[in-house]
Protein backbone atom coordinates (compact mmCIF):
# COMPACT_ATOMS: atom_id res chain seq x y z
CA MET A 1 -13.39 4.51 -39.79
CA VAL A 2 -13.48 6.22 -36.60
CA ASP A 3 -10.41 7.97 -35.37
CA ASP A 4 -8.85 6.81 -32.39
CA PRO A 5 -9.94 9.37 -29.52
CA LEU A 6 -6.54 9.35 -27.83
CA GLN A 7 -4.87 10.15 -31.12
CA SER A 8 -7.30 13.05 -31.81
CA LEU A 9 -6.78 14.28 -28.32
CA SER A 10 -2.96 14.41 -28.95
CA LYS A 11 -3.32 16.54 -31.74
CA GLU A 12 -5.06 19.12 -29.88
CA LEU A 13 -2.55 19.33 -27.09
CA THR A 14 -0.09 21.91 -26.63
CA VAL A 15 3.70 21.19 -26.08
CA PRO A 16 3.69 21.49 -22.29
CA GLN A 17 0.91 18.78 -21.97
CA LYS A 18 2.66 16.36 -24.18
CA PRO A 19 5.07 15.50 -21.30
CA PHE A 20 2.31 15.02 -18.92
CA LEU A 21 0.70 12.48 -21.01
CA ASN A 22 3.98 10.69 -21.34
CA THR A 23 4.46 10.71 -17.61
CA LEU A 24 0.83 9.71 -16.93
CA GLY A 25 1.21 6.71 -19.43
CA PHE A 26 4.42 5.63 -17.73
CA LEU A 27 2.73 5.56 -14.23
CA MET A 28 -0.21 3.59 -15.61
CA GLN A 29 2.00 1.19 -17.32
CA PHE A 30 4.12 0.96 -14.14
CA ALA A 31 1.10 0.66 -11.94
CA ALA A 32 -0.27 -2.35 -14.12
CA LEU A 33 3.12 -4.14 -14.20
CA THR A 34 3.21 -3.83 -10.37
CA PHE A 35 -0.43 -4.74 -9.57
CA LEU A 36 -0.53 -7.95 -11.78
CA PRO A 37 2.21 -9.81 -10.03
CA LEU A 38 0.98 -8.75 -6.64
CA LEU A 39 -2.63 -10.09 -7.76
CA ILE A 40 -1.06 -13.48 -8.31
CA LEU A 41 0.80 -13.45 -4.99
CA TRP A 42 -2.43 -12.24 -3.17
CA GLN A 43 -4.50 -15.01 -4.80
CA LEU A 44 -1.74 -17.74 -3.76
CA ASN A 45 -1.28 -16.69 -0.25
CA PHE A 46 -4.89 -15.47 0.83
CA GLY A 47 -7.24 -16.69 -1.97
CA PHE A 48 -10.22 -15.05 -3.13
CA ARG A 49 -13.30 -15.94 -5.57
CA LEU A 50 -12.22 -17.08 -8.86
CA ILE A 51 -14.18 -14.70 -10.86
CA TRP A 52 -12.06 -11.89 -9.60
CA MET A 53 -8.95 -13.25 -11.15
CA PRO A 54 -9.76 -12.74 -14.79
CA ALA A 55 -11.79 -9.61 -14.33
CA LEU A 56 -8.85 -7.86 -12.41
CA THR A 57 -6.42 -9.23 -15.01
CA THR A 58 -8.57 -7.72 -17.91
CA ALA A 59 -8.59 -4.29 -16.05
CA GLY A 60 -4.73 -4.45 -15.69
CA VAL A 61 -4.45 -5.04 -19.28
CA ILE A 62 -6.79 -2.22 -20.24
CA VAL A 63 -4.80 0.10 -17.84
CA PHE A 64 -1.58 -1.08 -19.48
CA TYR A 65 -2.95 -0.51 -22.94
CA VAL A 66 -4.23 2.99 -22.26
CA GLY A 67 -0.93 3.90 -20.74
CA HIS A 68 0.85 2.45 -23.89
CA ARG A 69 -1.31 4.59 -26.13
CA LEU A 70 -0.80 7.94 -24.02
CA ARG A 71 3.06 7.28 -24.55
CA GLU A 72 2.80 6.35 -28.14
CA ASN A 73 0.92 9.46 -28.93
CA ASP A 74 3.73 11.48 -27.34
CA GLU A 75 5.75 11.55 -30.55
């Protein structure tokens, strides 16, 4: 089974780098949770091509997941 690259990265980090990953993960999660509702409001008010909604939602979910993994590996 392939190891998780974020988990193997976390094992190699020194103590001062772990708070940075926690903060980076938090900011990524915050950005995703701010961006997704704004995406809906933008679509309702101004509209854009329908293909952008699932593509940008998927990108937001990926950003949130990576942020979660960075914060989870801070333990």
